[in-house]
Amino acid sequence: MGGYENGDSPAAAAWEGGVILGVDGGTTSTVCVCLPAAMPPPEAPGSVAVLSRAIAGCSNRNSIGENAALETLEQVMMQALTMANTDRSAVVAVCLSVSGVNHPSDQQRMLDWICNLFPRNAKFYVENDAVAALASGTMGKLHGCVLIAGTGSIAYGVTEDGKVARAAGAGPVLGDWGSGYGIAAQALTAVIKSHDGRGPQTNLTRDIIRKLEISSPDELIGWAYADPSWARIAALVPVVVSAAEDGDKVANTILHDAVQELAESVVAVVRRLTLCGEDGKDQFPLVLVGGVLEGNKKWDISGEVIKCISKVFPGVCPIRPEVSMRTDIRCYEVYLISHCNSLEIEHSEALDSLVEPAIGAALLASSHLRKESKLQNGS
């Protein structure tokens, strides 16, 4: 794709005041939303006007390489602008929140790249995907903890004074065992062990063979190494959940182990940042994001994670950001978490709010713009 002639653009924006792009880039998919830059700050319960929403594939540079990741990011941003009946000249700010961006050098490379795509007066922000995921549940306010469990997993926390901490998120080689990849990899290992006589019998053997349309566990080796992409392996998680729901002991153990891993990651972050207060009882928001944590199953992984965390920190306030997929809806209802003590929920239950990480990224960009404007105006 072509770049932008870096400079002041004569092109007129389709939306007065320009637009903001928020990008949530993951290993499975990448989502970009386009919001009007002139929207009022979401400081109270209300709604966020979404002009468009585009979806593309993986943008994790550690999974598919940097060039392919950047191509995906550009593709999804241009698609979102086209869907909003505008173009890159209307962009006033972009927040890229991408998995695999963990070091300042990673951020700088991405900043150098994106500066050539949009007008020189646009503002750019690059974060790890955990940052936008947190903002999606707290309406752009970076305070609390987020747990992401999709293809990969990470726990990330921020205090009100800007201190940060993370746990896990190091990729499958270094142990994202509560992630979708980790769950599926353990299931595949269990099938091989059972076939070899090194492990107990499990219905995972039958179920995975059926899912992959192969004839025996011997074919798993060829299947796994033909394309060992993280998302392809993680796609087997529903098979594991289904087996556990049907009473398979091996599958049940794998999910319980995943719950412990995910809960321990959150506990580590919360303790390091003292988000729970000195006595461990203060309330704090916990945003839950990712396909593994979807709470609409009989074997509710997120519910079990919340129970484990609640035993250690009774003040945890779980939030599950979501997004309506109805094509006739352009306005997404959101819920502001300003003070946890205003939430009338049981700690074992999660509050659902119709926001997603890509919108969280856009809200972060909007928040940064307002702060910079106040500083420039001396207020």
Protein backbone atom coordinates (compact mmCIF):
# COMPACT_ATOMS: atom_id res chain seq x y z
CA MET A 1 0.00 0.00 0.00
CA GLY A 2 1.10 3.54 -0.70
CA GLY A 3 2.18 6.00 1.92
CA TYR A 4 0.91 9.47 2.62
CA GLU A 5 2.69 12.53 1.28
CA ASN A 6 3.73 13.78 4.67
CA GLY A 7 2.57 17.34 5.04
CA ASP A 8 -0.52 19.48 5.38
CA SER A 9 -3.29 17.86 3.34
CA PRO A 10 -5.73 19.92 1.27
CA ALA A 11 -8.25 17.10 1.32
CA ALA A 12 -11.43 17.86 3.23
CA ALA A 13 -12.44 15.54 6.03
CA ALA A 14 -15.82 13.87 5.75
CA TRP A 15 -16.29 14.44 9.47
CA GLU A 16 -15.88 17.91 10.92
CA GLY A 17 -12.92 17.94 13.26
CA GLY A 18 -11.42 14.82 11.72
CA VAL A 19 -11.36 11.25 12.97
CA ILE A 20 -9.47 9.07 15.44
CA LEU A 21 -8.38 5.52 14.71
CA GLY A 22 -8.09 2.91 17.44
CA VAL A 23 -6.40 -0.37 16.57
CA ASP A 24 -6.38 -3.57 18.60
CA GLY A 25 -3.80 -5.87 17.02
CA GLY A 26 -3.61 -9.47 18.12
CA THR A 27 -2.35 -12.84 17.03
CA THR A 28 -5.74 -14.06 15.83
CA SER A 29 -7.20 -10.86 14.41
CA THR A 30 -6.76 -7.09 14.17
CA VAL A 31 -9.63 -4.64 14.65
CA CYS A 32 -9.68 -0.94 13.76
CA VAL A 33 -12.46 1.46 14.74
CA CYS A 34 -12.94 5.00 13.44
CA LEU A 35 -14.40 7.57 15.84
CA PRO A 36 -15.15 11.27 15.36
CA ALA A 37 -12.40 13.38 16.93
CA ALA A 38 -14.96 15.98 18.01
CA MET A 39 -16.80 13.58 20.33
CA PRO A 40 -17.26 14.78 23.92
CA PRO A 41 -15.03 13.18 26.56
CA PRO A 42 -16.70 10.01 27.89
CA GLU A 43 -16.62 11.07 31.53
CA ALA A 44 -20.06 9.67 32.34
CA PRO A 45 -22.22 6.71 31.34
CA GLY A 46 -23.37 7.26 27.76
CA SER A 47 -22.34 6.12 24.33
CA VAL A 48 -19.45 6.12 21.91
CA ALA A 49 -20.24 6.88 18.28
CA VAL A 50 -18.41 4.40 16.06
CA LEU A 51 -18.21 5.50 12.44
CA SER A 52 -16.79 2.22 11.18
CA ARG A 53 -15.19 -1.04 12.28
CA ALA A 54 -12.80 -3.10 10.13
CA ILE A 55 -11.25 -6.51 10.78
CA ALA A 56 -8.08 -8.09 9.39
CA GLY A 57 -5.76 -10.95 10.32
CA CYS A 58 -2.77 -11.30 12.62
CA SER A 59 -0.57 -8.26 13.34
CA ASN A 60 1.71 -9.76 15.98
CA ARG A 61 5.23 -9.24 14.61
CA ASN A 62 6.56 -12.10 16.75
CA SER A 63 4.16 -14.48 15.04
CA ILE A 64 4.20 -13.45 11.35
CA GLY A 65 7.18 -11.09 11.02
CA GLU A 66 7.37 -7.31 11.07
CA ASN A 67 6.65 -6.62 7.38
CA ALA A 68 3.53 -8.77 7.33
CA ALA A 69 2.34 -7.24 10.60
CA LEU A 70 2.73 -3.68 9.29
CA GLU A 71 0.93 -4.60 6.08
CA THR A 72 -2.01 -5.92 8.10
CA LEU A 73 -2.13 -2.77 10.21
CA GLU A 74 -2.13 -0.46 7.20
CA GLN A 75 -4.77 -2.57 5.46
CA VAL A 76 -7.18 -2.52 8.39
CA MET A 77 -6.77 1.24 8.99
CA MET A 78 -7.39 2.11 5.34
CA GLN A 79 -10.42 -0.18 5.29
CA ALA A 80 -11.90 1.52 8.37
CA LEU A 81 -11.43 4.96 6.76
CA THR A 82 -13.08 3.83 3.55
CA MET A 83 -16.01 2.37 5.46
CA ALA A 84 -16.41 5.71 7.26
CA ASN A 85 -16.51 7.54 3.90
CA THR A 86 -13.32 9.43 4.63
CA ASP A 87 -9.59 9.10 3.99
CA ARG A 88 -6.23 9.32 5.74
CA SER A 89 -6.12 13.11 5.42
CA ALA A 90 -8.91 13.32 8.03
CA VAL A 91 -6.94 11.45 10.69
CA VAL A 92 -5.95 13.57 13.69
CA ALA A 93 -4.80 10.75 15.98
CA VAL A 94 -4.07 7.02 15.93
CA CYS A 95 -3.50 4.64 18.82
CA LEU A 96 -1.96 1.33 17.82
CA SER A 97 -2.35 -1.20 20.59
CA VAL A 98 -0.61 -4.31 19.33
CA SER A 99 0.47 -7.59 20.88
CA GLY A 100 4.19 -8.26 20.65
CA VAL A 101 5.08 -4.58 21.17
CA ASN A 102 6.83 -4.85 24.51
CA HIS A 103 9.92 -2.66 24.35
CA PRO A 104 10.49 1.07 23.66
CA SER A 105 12.50 0.12 20.57
CA ASP A 106 9.47 -1.78 19.23
CA GLN A 107 7.30 1.26 19.83
CA GLN A 108 9.75 3.61 18.14
CA ARG A 109 9.99 1.49 15.00
CA MET A 110 6.22 1.48 14.72
CA LEU A 111 6.03 5.23 15.32
CA ASP A 112 8.62 5.86 12.62
CA TRP A 113 6.57 3.75 10.23
CA ILE A 114 3.13 5.23 10.92
CA CYS A 115 4.33 8.83 10.62
CA ASN A 116 4.63 8.29 6.86
CA LEU A 117 1.01 7.19 6.50
CA PHE A 118 -0.85 10.22 7.84
CA PRO A 119 -0.62 14.05 8.00
CA ARG A 120 2.35 15.47 9.88
CA ASN A 121 0.09 17.21 12.39
CA ALA A 122 -1.56 13.94 13.42
CA LYS A 123 -0.68 12.42 16.78
CA PHE A 124 0.44 8.81 17.15
CA TYR A 125 0.52 6.51 20.16
CA VAL A 126 1.83 2.94 20.27
CA GLU A 127 1.04 0.57 23.13
CA ASN A 128 0.93 -3.12 23.90
CA ASP A 129 -2.55 -4.56 23.31
CA ALA A 130 -3.06 -4.95 27.04
CA VAL A 131 -3.18 -1.16 27.48
CA ALA A 132 -6.17 -0.71 25.14
CA ALA A 133 -7.85 -3.76 26.64
CA LEU A 134 -7.68 -2.13 30.07
CA ALA A 135 -8.94 1.19 28.70
CA SER A 136 -11.86 -0.58 27.02
CA GLY A 137 -13.28 -1.55 30.39
CA THR A 138 -12.52 1.70 32.21
CA MET A 139 -13.57 4.19 29.52
CA GLY A 140 -10.02 5.28 28.77
CA LYS A 141 -8.95 5.64 32.40
CA LEU A 142 -5.70 3.73 32.89
CA HIS A 143 -6.17 2.35 36.36
CA GLY A 144 -6.66 -1.24 37.45
CA CYS A 145 -5.73 -4.59 35.95
CA VAL A 146 -6.54 -6.35 32.71
CA LEU A 147 -6.33 -10.06 31.96
CA ILE A 148 -6.15 -11.05 28.31
CA ALA A 149 -6.55 -14.71 27.43
CA GLY A 150 -6.95 -15.32 23.73
CA THR A 151 -4.36 -17.00 21.54
CA GLY A 152 -1.83 -15.67 24.05
CA SER A 153 -2.24 -14.35 27.58
CA ILE A 154 -1.04 -11.45 29.70
CA ALA A 155 -1.94 -9.69 32.93
CA TYR A 156 -1.21 -5.96 32.96
CA GLY A 157 -1.84 -3.34 35.61
CA VAL A 158 -1.58 0.42 36.06
CA THR A 159 -1.85 2.57 39.18
CA GLU A 160 -3.39 6.04 39.26
CA ASP A 161 0.09 7.56 39.45
CA GLY A 162 1.27 5.68 36.36
CA LYS A 163 3.19 2.71 37.77
CA VAL A 164 2.86 -0.41 35.62
CA ALA A 165 3.45 -4.14 36.02
CA ARG A 166 2.83 -7.20 33.89
CA ALA A 167 2.92 -10.97 34.21
CA ALA A 168 3.01 -13.68 31.53
CA GLY A 169 2.65 -12.46 27.94
CA ALA A 170 6.01 -13.94 26.97
CA GLY A 171 4.68 -16.14 24.17
CA PRO A 172 4.24 -19.92 23.95
CA VAL A 173 7.93 -20.78 24.18
CA LEU A 174 8.27 -19.02 27.53
CA GLY A 175 5.00 -20.19 28.99
CA ASP A 176 1.64 -18.53 28.26
CA TRP A 177 0.05 -21.62 29.74
CA GLY A 178 -3.31 -20.09 30.52
CA SER A 179 -3.70 -18.94 26.92
CA GLY A 180 -5.61 -20.55 24.10
CA TYR A 181 -2.35 -21.83 22.66
CA GLY A 182 -1.31 -23.23 26.04
CA ILE A 183 -4.63 -25.02 26.57
CA ALA A 184 -4.64 -26.52 23.08
CA ALA A 185 -0.97 -27.52 23.22
CA GLN A 186 -1.54 -29.38 26.48
CA ALA A 187 -4.53 -31.14 24.93
CA LEU A 188 -2.47 -32.25 21.93
CA THR A 189 0.27 -33.45 24.27
CA ALA A 190 -2.29 -35.37 26.31
CA VAL A 191 -3.53 -37.12 23.17
CA ILE A 192 0.00 -38.13 22.15
CA LYS A 193 0.79 -39.38 25.67
CA SER A 194 -2.42 -41.37 25.79
CA HIS A 195 -1.68 -42.90 22.41
CA ASP A 196 1.84 -43.84 23.53
CA GLY A 197 0.62 -45.37 26.77
CA ARG A 198 2.28 -42.64 28.85
CA GLY A 199 -0.95 -40.99 29.93
CA PRO A 200 -4.58 -41.76 30.78
CA GLN A 201 -7.24 -42.41 28.18
CA THR A 202 -9.13 -39.30 27.16
CA ASN A 203 -12.03 -38.39 24.92
CA LEU A 204 -9.81 -35.61 23.58
CA THR A 205 -8.30 -38.22 21.29
CA ARG A 206 -11.61 -38.93 19.60
CA ASP A 207 -12.74 -35.31 19.59
CA ILE A 208 -9.54 -33.80 18.20
CA ILE A 209 -9.20 -36.50 15.52
CA ARG A 210 -12.77 -35.78 14.48
CA LYS A 211 -12.23 -32.01 14.50
CA LEU A 212 -9.07 -32.21 12.39
CA GLU A 213 -10.51 -34.88 10.09
CA ILE A 214 -7.54 -37.19 10.51
CA SER A 215 -7.58 -40.94 11.11
CA SER A 216 -5.24 -41.46 14.08
CA PRO A 217 -3.08 -39.64 16.65
CA ASP A 218 -0.03 -40.55 14.56
CA GLU A 219 -1.14 -37.91 12.07
CA LEU A 220 -1.09 -35.18 14.72
CA ILE A 221 2.66 -34.75 14.37
CA GLY A 222 2.39 -33.93 10.68
CA TRP A 223 -0.62 -31.68 11.28
CA ALA A 224 1.04 -29.73 14.10
CA TYR A 225 4.30 -29.03 12.31
CA ALA A 226 2.84 -28.41 8.85
CA ASP A 227 1.72 -25.01 10.11
CA PRO A 228 2.58 -24.38 13.78
CA SER A 229 1.02 -20.89 13.85
CA TRP A 230 -0.20 -19.95 17.30
CA ALA A 231 -3.76 -19.14 16.26
CA ARG A 232 -4.15 -22.43 14.37
CA ILE A 233 -3.23 -24.42 17.48
CA ALA A 234 -5.36 -22.23 19.77
CA ALA A 235 -8.42 -22.85 17.58
CA LEU A 236 -8.72 -26.25 19.30
CA VAL A 237 -9.74 -24.68 22.64
CA PRO A 238 -13.50 -25.18 22.03
CA VAL A 239 -12.83 -28.91 21.63
CA VAL A 240 -11.12 -28.99 25.02
CA VAL A 241 -13.93 -27.02 26.69
CA SER A 242 -16.56 -29.28 25.16
CA ALA A 243 -14.75 -32.41 26.36
CA ALA A 244 -14.48 -30.97 29.87
CA GLU A 245 -18.18 -30.12 29.87
CA ASP A 246 -18.88 -33.75 28.93
CA GLY A 247 -16.92 -34.93 31.95
CA ASP A 248 -13.51 -35.79 30.51
CA LYS A 249 -11.04 -35.75 33.41
CA VAL A 250 -7.99 -34.89 31.33
CA ALA A 251 -9.69 -31.93 29.65
CA ASN A 252 -11.06 -30.79 33.01
CA THR A 253 -7.56 -30.85 34.53
CA ILE A 254 -6.16 -28.83 31.62
CA LEU A 255 -8.79 -26.11 32.11
CA HIS A 256 -8.31 -26.04 35.89
CA ASP A 257 -4.56 -25.63 35.35
CA ALA A 258 -5.26 -22.77 32.92
CA VAL A 259 -7.50 -21.09 35.49
CA GLN A 260 -4.73 -21.27 38.09
CA GLU A 261 -2.16 -19.85 35.67
CA LEU A 262 -4.40 -16.93 34.72
CA ALA A 263 -5.39 -16.18 38.31
CA GLU A 264 -1.79 -16.29 39.48
CA SER A 265 -0.79 -13.80 36.78
CA VAL A 266 -3.42 -11.32 37.99
CA VAL A 267 -2.53 -11.85 41.64
CA ALA A 268 1.15 -11.18 40.88
CA VAL A 269 0.37 -7.88 39.12
CA VAL A 270 -2.10 -6.68 41.74
CA ARG A 271 0.33 -7.39 44.57
CA ARG A 272 3.26 -5.67 42.86
CA LEU A 273 1.21 -2.53 42.33
CA THR A 274 -0.76 -2.78 45.60
CA LEU A 275 -3.95 -2.19 43.63
CA CYS A 276 -5.77 -4.01 46.41
CA GLY A 277 -4.54 -1.61 49.10
CA GLU A 278 -2.24 -2.40 51.99
CA ASP A 279 -4.79 -4.70 53.62
CA GLY A 280 -5.62 -6.47 50.37
CA LYS A 281 -9.29 -5.50 50.53
CA ASP A 282 -9.49 -2.32 48.43
CA GLN A 283 -11.66 -2.45 45.34
CA PHE A 284 -10.10 -2.29 41.88
CA PRO A 285 -11.34 -2.98 38.33
CA LEU A 286 -10.30 -6.18 36.59
CA VAL A 287 -11.01 -6.15 32.86
CA LEU A 288 -11.35 -9.61 31.27
CA VAL A 289 -10.67 -9.84 27.53
CA GLY A 290 -10.17 -12.65 25.01
CA GLY A 291 -11.90 -15.67 23.54
CA VAL A 292 -10.76 -18.00 26.32
CA LEU A 293 -12.60 -15.82 28.84
CA GLU A 294 -15.96 -15.72 27.08
CA GLY A 295 -18.52 -16.42 29.77
CA ASN A 296 -21.27 -18.09 27.76
CA LYS A 297 -20.19 -21.68 28.29
CA LYS A 298 -21.11 -24.33 30.85
CA TRP A 299 -17.40 -24.58 31.76
CA ASP A 300 -16.96 -20.89 32.52
CA ILE A 301 -13.21 -20.21 32.56
CA SER A 302 -13.56 -16.52 33.39
CA GLY A 303 -15.99 -17.29 36.21
CA GLU A 304 -13.52 -19.74 37.73
CA VAL A 305 -10.68 -17.23 37.37
CA ILE A 306 -12.75 -14.58 39.15
CA LYS A 307 -13.55 -17.00 41.98
CA CYS A 308 -9.84 -17.75 42.48
CA ILE A 309 -8.88 -14.06 42.49
CA SER A 310 -11.78 -13.14 44.80
CA LYS A 311 -10.45 -15.52 47.44
CA VAL A 312 -7.24 -13.48 47.56
CA PHE A 313 -8.66 -10.02 46.79
CA PRO A 314 -12.33 -9.73 47.84
CA GLY A 315 -12.48 -6.21 46.40
CA VAL A 316 -11.97 -7.24 42.76
CA CYS A 317 -14.55 -5.73 40.39
CA PRO A 318 -14.64 -7.82 37.19
CA ILE A 319 -15.57 -6.22 33.86
CA ARG A 320 -16.07 -8.01 30.56
CA PRO A 321 -15.87 -5.59 27.61
CA GLU A 322 -17.92 -6.65 24.64
CA VAL A 323 -19.14 -5.24 21.34
CA SER A 324 -22.46 -5.55 19.59
CA MET A 325 -22.06 -7.16 16.17
CA ARG A 326 -25.41 -5.91 14.81
CA THR A 327 -24.70 -4.11 11.55
CA ASP A 328 -27.51 -1.60 12.08
CA ILE A 329 -25.94 -0.29 15.31
CA ARG A 330 -23.42 2.53 15.01
CA CYS A 331 -23.56 3.60 18.63
CA TYR A 332 -22.11 1.31 21.30
CA GLU A 333 -23.44 1.60 24.84
CA VAL A 334 -20.67 1.85 27.38
CA TYR A 335 -20.41 1.77 31.15
CA LEU A 336 -18.01 3.98 33.04
CA ILE A 337 -16.14 2.53 35.96
CA SER A 338 -15.15 5.61 37.94
CA HIS A 339 -15.26 4.16 41.45
CA CYS A 340 -15.61 0.47 42.11
CA ASN A 341 -17.67 1.06 45.23
CA SER A 342 -20.47 2.34 43.00
CA LEU A 343 -20.88 -1.09 41.44
CA GLU A 344 -23.75 -3.10 42.81
CA ILE A 345 -22.50 -6.52 41.74
CA GLU A 346 -21.38 -9.66 43.42
CA HIS A 347 -17.62 -10.10 43.21
CA SER A 348 -18.10 -13.55 41.71
CA GLU A 349 -19.95 -12.02 38.76
CA ALA A 350 -18.57 -9.96 35.92
CA LEU A 351 -20.12 -6.73 34.71
CA ASP A 352 -20.65 -6.70 30.94
CA SER A 353 -20.13 -3.45 29.06
CA LEU A 354 -20.51 -2.95 25.33
CA VAL A 355 -16.99 -1.80 24.60
CA GLU A 356 -14.06 -3.58 22.94
CA PRO A 357 -10.28 -3.08 23.03
CA ALA A 358 -10.15 -1.25 19.69
CA ILE A 359 -12.54 1.34 21.09
CA GLY A 360 -10.36 1.45 24.20
CA ALA A 361 -7.41 2.34 21.96
CA ALA A 362 -9.40 5.15 20.32
CA LEU A 363 -10.47 6.45 23.73
CA LEU A 364 -6.82 6.47 24.81
CA ALA A 365 -5.88 8.55 21.77
CA SER A 366 -8.74 10.94 22.52
CA SER A 367 -7.67 11.22 26.14
CA HIS A 368 -4.07 11.97 25.14
CA LEU A 369 -5.27 14.67 22.73
CA ARG A 370 -7.31 16.39 25.44
CA LYS A 371 -4.40 16.33 27.89
CA GLU A 372 -1.99 17.74 25.32
CA SER A 373 -4.49 20.45 24.42
CA LYS A 374 -4.84 21.46 28.06
CA LEU A 375 -1.07 21.66 28.44
CA GLN A 376 -0.76 23.83 25.34
CA ASN A 377 -3.50 26.13 26.59
CA GLY A 378 -1.90 26.32 30.00
CA SER A 379 -4.95 24.98 31.78
